[in-house]
Amino acid sequence: MPLILTFLMTFAVAGISTWIAVESWSVFFLKSWMKSWMVSWVIAFPAMVMLMPVTQRIVALIVRKDQ
């Protein structure tokens, strides 16, 4: 799940931020988008893998039902 989630999220975020920076559809836009996407994914995937267990524990504490 972290693989697909980070893949799709970084794809969208990198595309939006590149579009804002470049402001046009061109070969430069596509090249910049793919470069920023891969750089962001390389950072996001390991971060997601490391933080997922911590996040799951925090959410479990928040939504824990009293028994």
PDB file of N, CA and C in Angstrom:
ATOM      1  N   MET A   1       0.805  -1.200   0.000  1.00  0.00           N
ATOM      2  CA  MET A   1       0.000   0.000   0.000  1.00  0.00           C
ATOM      3  C   MET A   1       0.857   1.277   0.000  1.00  0.00           C
ATOM      4  N   PRO A   2       1.917   1.375   0.821  1.00  0.00           N
ATOM      5  CA  PRO A   2       2.724   2.600   0.786  1.00  0.00           C
ATOM      6  C   PRO A   2       3.326   2.867  -0.598  1.00  0.00           C
ATOM      7  N   LEU A   3       3.662   1.814  -1.324  1.00  0.00           N
ATOM      8  CA  LEU A   3       4.264   1.985  -2.638  1.00  0.00           C
ATOM      9  C   LEU A   3       3.301   2.698  -3.581  1.00  0.00           C
ATOM     10  N   ILE A   4       2.081   2.210  -3.675  1.00  0.00           N
ATOM     11  CA  ILE A   4       1.098   2.796  -4.585  1.00  0.00           C
ATOM     12  C   ILE A   4       0.661   4.174  -4.101  1.00  0.00           C
ATOM     13  N   LEU A   5       0.446   4.314  -2.807  1.00  0.00           N
ATOM     14  CA  LEU A   5       0.007   5.599  -2.252  1.00  0.00           C
ATOM     15  C   LEU A   5       1.042   6.690  -2.511  1.00  0.00           C
ATOM     16  N   THR A   6       2.301   6.430  -2.205  1.00  0.00           N
ATOM     17  CA  THR A   6       3.329   7.446  -2.432  1.00  0.00           C
ATOM     18  C   THR A   6       3.542   7.695  -3.921  1.00  0.00           C
ATOM     19  N   PHE A   7       3.410   6.664  -4.719  1.00  0.00           N
ATOM     20  CA  PHE A   7       3.558   6.796  -6.165  1.00  0.00           C
ATOM     21  C   PHE A   7       2.523   7.775  -6.719  1.00  0.00           C
ATOM     22  N   LEU A   8       1.259   7.582  -6.352  1.00  0.00           N
ATOM     23  CA  LEU A   8       0.179   8.435  -6.859  1.00  0.00           C
ATOM     24  C   LEU A   8       0.204   9.841  -6.256  1.00  0.00           C
ATOM     25  N   MET A   9       0.452   9.929  -4.962  1.00  0.00           N
ATOM     26  CA  MET A   9       0.456  11.239  -4.307  1.00  0.00           C
ATOM     27  C   MET A   9       1.599  12.119  -4.821  1.00  0.00           C
ATOM     28  N   THR A  10       2.788  11.574  -4.920  1.00  0.00           N
ATOM     29  CA  THR A  10       3.904  12.381  -5.402  1.00  0.00           C
ATOM     30  C   THR A  10       3.730  12.743  -6.868  1.00  0.00           C
ATOM     31  N   PHE A  11       3.106  11.862  -7.641  1.00  0.00           N
ATOM     32  CA  PHE A  11       2.812  12.158  -9.050  1.00  0.00           C
ATOM     33  C   PHE A  11       1.927  13.398  -9.149  1.00  0.00           C
ATOM     34  N   ALA A  12       0.856  13.427  -8.369  1.00  0.00           N
ATOM     35  CA  ALA A  12      -0.084  14.549  -8.410  1.00  0.00           C
ATOM     36  C   ALA A  12       0.549  15.835  -7.869  1.00  0.00           C
ATOM     37  N   VAL A  13       1.181  15.755  -6.719  1.00  0.00           N
ATOM     38  CA  VAL A  13       1.763  16.952  -6.098  1.00  0.00           C
ATOM     39  C   VAL A  13       2.897  17.517  -6.957  1.00  0.00           C
ATOM     40  N   ALA A  14       3.744  16.663  -7.482  1.00  0.00           N
ATOM     41  CA  ALA A  14       4.835  17.142  -8.341  1.00  0.00           C
ATOM     42  C   ALA A  14       4.276  17.773  -9.615  1.00  0.00           C
ATOM     43  N   GLY A  15       3.220  17.200 -10.160  1.00  0.00           N
ATOM     44  CA  GLY A  15       2.605  17.774 -11.361  1.00  0.00           C
ATOM     45  C   GLY A  15       2.022  19.145 -11.103  1.00  0.00           C
ATOM     46  N   ILE A  16       1.308  19.294 -10.004  1.00  0.00           N
ATOM     47  CA  ILE A  16       0.701  20.587  -9.666  1.00  0.00           C
ATOM     48  C   ILE A  16       1.769  21.642  -9.404  1.00  0.00           C
ATOM     49  N   SER A  17       2.756  21.295  -8.596  1.00  0.00           N
ATOM     50  CA  SER A  17       3.797  22.285  -8.276  1.00  0.00           C
ATOM     51  C   SER A  17       4.645  22.632  -9.501  1.00  0.00           C
ATOM     52  N   THR A  18       4.887  21.668 -10.375  1.00  0.00           N
ATOM     53  CA  THR A  18       5.634  21.959 -11.598  1.00  0.00           C
ATOM     54  C   THR A  18       4.809  22.845 -12.516  1.00  0.00           C
ATOM     55  N   TRP A  19       3.524  22.580 -12.621  1.00  0.00           N
ATOM     56  CA  TRP A  19       2.647  23.407 -13.452  1.00  0.00           C
ATOM     57  C   TRP A  19       2.652  24.858 -12.961  1.00  0.00           C
ATOM     58  N   ILE A  20       2.586  25.053 -11.652  1.00  0.00           N
ATOM     59  CA  ILE A  20       2.609  26.399 -11.082  1.00  0.00           C
ATOM     60  C   ILE A  20       3.936  27.094 -11.405  1.00  0.00           C
ATOM     61  N   ALA A  21       5.023  26.352 -11.332  1.00  0.00           N
ATOM     62  CA  ALA A  21       6.337  26.940 -11.584  1.00  0.00           C
ATOM     63  C   ALA A  21       6.580  27.232 -13.070  1.00  0.00           C
ATOM     64  N   VAL A  22       6.149  26.329 -13.956  1.00  0.00           N
ATOM     65  CA  VAL A  22       6.456  26.448 -15.381  1.00  0.00           C
ATOM     66  C   VAL A  22       5.364  27.209 -16.140  1.00  0.00           C
ATOM     67  N   GLU A  23       4.118  27.020 -15.789  1.00  0.00           N
ATOM     68  CA  GLU A  23       2.948  27.692 -16.361  1.00  0.00           C
ATOM     69  C   GLU A  23       2.706  27.420 -17.842  1.00  0.00           C
ATOM     70  N   SER A  24       3.149  26.298 -18.346  1.00  0.00           N
ATOM     71  CA  SER A  24       2.831  25.965 -19.731  1.00  0.00           C
ATOM     72  C   SER A  24       3.050  24.477 -19.980  1.00  0.00           C
ATOM     73  N   TRP A  25       2.354  23.959 -20.985  1.00  0.00           N
ATOM     74  CA  TRP A  25       2.566  22.577 -21.408  1.00  0.00           C
ATOM     75  C   TRP A  25       3.679  22.574 -22.427  1.00  0.00           C
ATOM     76  N   SER A  26       4.752  21.897 -22.134  1.00  0.00           N
ATOM     77  CA  SER A  26       5.879  21.827 -23.064  1.00  0.00           C
ATOM     78  C   SER A  26       6.725  20.606 -22.716  1.00  0.00           C
ATOM     79  N   VAL A  27       7.719  20.357 -23.547  1.00  0.00           N
ATOM     80  CA  VAL A  27       8.657  19.276 -23.260  1.00  0.00           C
ATOM     81  C   VAL A  27       9.383  19.570 -21.947  1.00  0.00           C
ATOM     82  N   PHE A  28       9.690  20.851 -21.722  1.00  0.00           N
ATOM     83  CA  PHE A  28      10.347  21.251 -20.479  1.00  0.00           C
ATOM     84  C   PHE A  28       9.475  20.924 -19.279  1.00  0.00           C
ATOM     85  N   PHE A  29       8.166  21.176 -19.396  1.00  0.00           N
ATOM     86  CA  PHE A  29       7.234  20.860 -18.314  1.00  0.00           C
ATOM     87  C   PHE A  29       7.262  19.366 -17.995  1.00  0.00           C
ATOM     88  N   LEU A  30       7.139  18.536 -19.017  1.00  0.00           N
ATOM     89  CA  LEU A  30       7.126  17.084 -18.793  1.00  0.00           C
ATOM     90  C   LEU A  30       8.437  16.590 -18.194  1.00  0.00           C
ATOM     91  N   LYS A  31       9.546  17.099 -18.708  1.00  0.00           N
ATOM     92  CA  LYS A  31      10.852  16.696 -18.178  1.00  0.00           C
ATOM     93  C   LYS A  31      11.001  17.126 -16.721  1.00  0.00           C
ATOM     94  N   SER A  32      10.605  18.360 -16.423  1.00  0.00           N
ATOM     95  CA  SER A  32      10.695  18.865 -15.045  1.00  0.00           C
ATOM     96  C   SER A  32       9.773  18.090 -14.116  1.00  0.00           C
ATOM     97  N   TRP A  33       8.567  17.781 -14.595  1.00  0.00           N
ATOM     98  CA  TRP A  33       7.598  17.048 -13.788  1.00  0.00           C
ATOM     99  C   TRP A  33       8.133  15.666 -13.435  1.00  0.00           C
ATOM    100  N   MET A  34       8.635  14.943 -14.418  1.00  0.00           N
ATOM    101  CA  MET A  34       9.130  13.590 -14.167  1.00  0.00           C
ATOM    102  C   MET A  34      10.330  13.603 -13.223  1.00  0.00           C
ATOM    103  N   LYS A  35      11.193  14.599 -13.384  1.00  0.00           N
ATOM    104  CA  LYS A  35      12.364  14.702 -12.503  1.00  0.00           C
ATOM    105  C   LYS A  35      11.933  14.994 -11.062  1.00  0.00           C
ATOM    106  N   SER A  36      11.050  15.972 -10.890  1.00  0.00           N
ATOM    107  CA  SER A  36      10.607  16.316  -9.535  1.00  0.00           C
ATOM    108  C   SER A  36       9.784  15.182  -8.932  1.00  0.00           C
ATOM    109  N   TRP A  37       9.062  14.458  -9.758  1.00  0.00           N
ATOM    110  CA  TRP A  37       8.270  13.330  -9.270  1.00  0.00           C
ATOM    111  C   TRP A  37       9.174  12.237  -8.712  1.00  0.00           C
ATOM    112  N   MET A  38      10.200  11.874  -9.455  1.00  0.00           N
ATOM    113  CA  MET A  38      11.089  10.808  -8.990  1.00  0.00           C
ATOM    114  C   MET A  38      11.861  11.222  -7.743  1.00  0.00           C
ATOM    115  N   VAL A  39      12.313  12.456  -7.684  1.00  0.00           N
ATOM    116  CA  VAL A  39      13.026  12.934  -6.493  1.00  0.00           C
ATOM    117  C   VAL A  39      12.100  12.903  -5.280  1.00  0.00           C
ATOM    118  N   SER A  40      10.874  13.391  -5.460  1.00  0.00           N
ATOM    119  CA  SER A  40       9.939  13.405  -4.329  1.00  0.00           C
ATOM    120  C   SER A  40       9.533  11.987  -3.922  1.00  0.00           C
ATOM    121  N   TRP A  41       9.406  11.086  -4.881  1.00  0.00           N
ATOM    122  CA  TRP A  41       9.024   9.715  -4.538  1.00  0.00           C
ATOM    123  C   TRP A  41      10.137   9.013  -3.758  1.00  0.00           C
ATOM    124  N   VAL A  42      11.390   9.269  -4.141  1.00  0.00           N
ATOM    125  CA  VAL A  42      12.526   8.656  -3.447  1.00  0.00           C
ATOM    126  C   VAL A  42      12.545   9.076  -1.977  1.00  0.00           C
ATOM    127  N   ILE A  43      12.064  10.265  -1.681  1.00  0.00           N
ATOM    128  CA  ILE A  43      11.990  10.741  -0.302  1.00  0.00           C
ATOM    129  C   ILE A  43      10.714  10.245   0.379  1.00  0.00           C
ATOM    130  N   ALA A  44       9.596  10.310  -0.334  1.00  0.00           N
ATOM    131  CA  ALA A  44       8.291   9.987   0.265  1.00  0.00           C
ATOM    132  C   ALA A  44       8.135   8.510   0.610  1.00  0.00           C
ATOM    133  N   PHE A  45       8.605   7.616  -0.239  1.00  0.00           N
ATOM    134  CA  PHE A  45       8.387   6.192   0.020  1.00  0.00           C
ATOM    135  C   PHE A  45       9.079   5.701   1.294  1.00  0.00           C
ATOM    136  N   PRO A  46      10.370   5.956   1.480  1.00  0.00           N
ATOM    137  CA  PRO A  46      10.989   5.517   2.740  1.00  0.00           C
ATOM    138  C   PRO A  46      10.378   6.205   3.963  1.00  0.00           C
ATOM    139  N   ALA A  47      10.008   7.482   3.803  1.00  0.00           N
ATOM    140  CA  ALA A  47       9.370   8.189   4.921  1.00  0.00           C
ATOM    141  C   ALA A  47       8.051   7.525   5.291  1.00  0.00           C
ATOM    142  N   MET A  48       7.266   7.146   4.296  1.00  0.00           N
ATOM    143  CA  MET A  48       5.986   6.481   4.545  1.00  0.00           C
ATOM    144  C   MET A  48       6.199   5.135   5.229  1.00  0.00           C
ATOM    145  N   VAL A  49       7.169   4.384   4.761  1.00  0.00           N
ATOM    146  CA  VAL A  49       7.439   3.068   5.350  1.00  0.00           C
ATOM    147  C   VAL A  49       7.866   3.201   6.811  1.00  0.00           C
ATOM    148  N   MET A  50       8.678   4.211   7.108  1.00  0.00           N
ATOM    149  CA  MET A  50       9.148   4.398   8.490  1.00  0.00           C
ATOM    150  C   MET A  50       8.059   4.970   9.398  1.00  0.00           C
ATOM    151  N   LEU A  51       7.231   5.848   8.872  1.00  0.00           N
ATOM    152  CA  LEU A  51       6.233   6.521   9.708  1.00  0.00           C
ATOM    153  C   LEU A  51       4.899   5.798   9.807  1.00  0.00           C
ATOM    154  N   MET A  52       4.639   4.851   8.928  1.00  0.00           N
ATOM    155  CA  MET A  52       3.355   4.157   8.945  1.00  0.00           C
ATOM    156  C   MET A  52       3.069   3.437  10.275  1.00  0.00           C
ATOM    157  N   PRO A  53       4.006   2.684  10.851  1.00  0.00           N
ATOM    158  CA  PRO A  53       3.716   2.028  12.127  1.00  0.00           C
ATOM    159  C   PRO A  53       3.430   3.020  13.260  1.00  0.00           C
ATOM    160  N   VAL A  54       4.162   4.113  13.277  1.00  0.00           N
ATOM    161  CA  VAL A  54       3.946   5.140  14.302  1.00  0.00           C
ATOM    162  C   VAL A  54       2.563   5.753  14.136  1.00  0.00           C
ATOM    163  N   THR A  55       2.212   6.064  12.905  1.00  0.00           N
ATOM    164  CA  THR A  55       0.896   6.644  12.618  1.00  0.00           C
ATOM    165  C   THR A  55      -0.221   5.681  12.995  1.00  0.00           C
ATOM    166  N   GLN A  56      -0.052   4.406  12.709  1.00  0.00           N
ATOM    167  CA  GLN A  56      -1.069   3.417  13.063  1.00  0.00           C
ATOM    168  C   GLN A  56      -1.260   3.342  14.575  1.00  0.00           C
ATOM    169  N   ARG A  57      -0.178   3.411  15.328  1.00  0.00           N
ATOM    170  CA  ARG A  57      -0.296   3.387  16.789  1.00  0.00           C
ATOM    171  C   ARG A  57      -1.011   4.627  17.313  1.00  0.00           C
ATOM    172  N   ILE A  58      -0.684   5.778  16.767  1.00  0.00           N
ATOM    173  CA  ILE A  58      -1.336   7.023  17.198  1.00  0.00           C
ATOM    174  C   ILE A  58      -2.824   6.980  16.893  1.00  0.00           C
ATOM    175  N   VAL A  59      -3.181   6.546  15.703  1.00  0.00           N
ATOM    176  CA  VAL A  59      -4.598   6.447  15.336  1.00  0.00           C
ATOM    177  C   VAL A  59      -5.300   5.435  16.224  1.00  0.00           C
ATOM    178  N   ALA A  60      -4.662   4.327  16.522  1.00  0.00           N
ATOM    179  CA  ALA A  60      -5.269   3.319  17.400  1.00  0.00           C
ATOM    180  C   ALA A  60      -5.533   3.887  18.780  1.00  0.00           C
ATOM    181  N   LEU A  61      -4.636   4.721  19.297  1.00  0.00           N
ATOM    182  CA  LEU A  61      -4.854   5.340  20.597  1.00  0.00           C
ATOM    183  C   LEU A  61      -6.007   6.339  20.559  1.00  0.00           C
ATOM    184  N   ILE A  62      -6.126   7.057  19.461  1.00  0.00           N
ATOM    185  CA  ILE A  62      -7.186   8.061  19.332  1.00  0.00           C
ATOM    186  C   ILE A  62      -8.555   7.408  19.240  1.00  0.00           C
ATOM    187  N   VAL A  63      -8.661   6.344  18.462  1.00  0.00           N
ATOM    188  CA  VAL A  63      -9.961   5.726  18.225  1.00  0.00           C
ATOM    189  C   VAL A  63     -10.217   4.502  19.105  1.00  0.00           C
ATOM    190  N   ARG A  64      -9.353   4.283  20.066  1.00  0.00           N
ATOM    191  CA  ARG A  64      -9.496   3.119  20.943  1.00  0.00           C
ATOM    192  C   ARG A  64     -10.842   3.147  21.648  1.00  0.00           C
ATOM    193  N   LYS A  65     -11.500   2.015  21.620  1.00  0.00           N
ATOM    194  CA  LYS A  65     -12.785   1.896  22.311  1.00  0.00           C
ATOM    195  C   LYS A  65     -12.547   1.452  23.744  1.00  0.00           C
ATOM    196  N   ASP A  66     -13.242   2.062  24.673  1.00  0.00           N
ATOM    197  CA  ASP A  66     -13.147   1.635  26.061  1.00  0.00           C
ATOM    198  C   ASP A  66     -13.868   0.301  26.212  1.00  0.00           C
ATOM    199  N   GLN A  67     -13.248  -0.584  26.927  1.00  0.00           N
ATOM    200  CA  GLN A  67     -13.851  -1.908  27.090  1.00  0.00           C
ATOM    201  C   GLN A  67     -14.381  -2.088  28.478  1.00  0.00           C
TER     202      GLN A  67
END
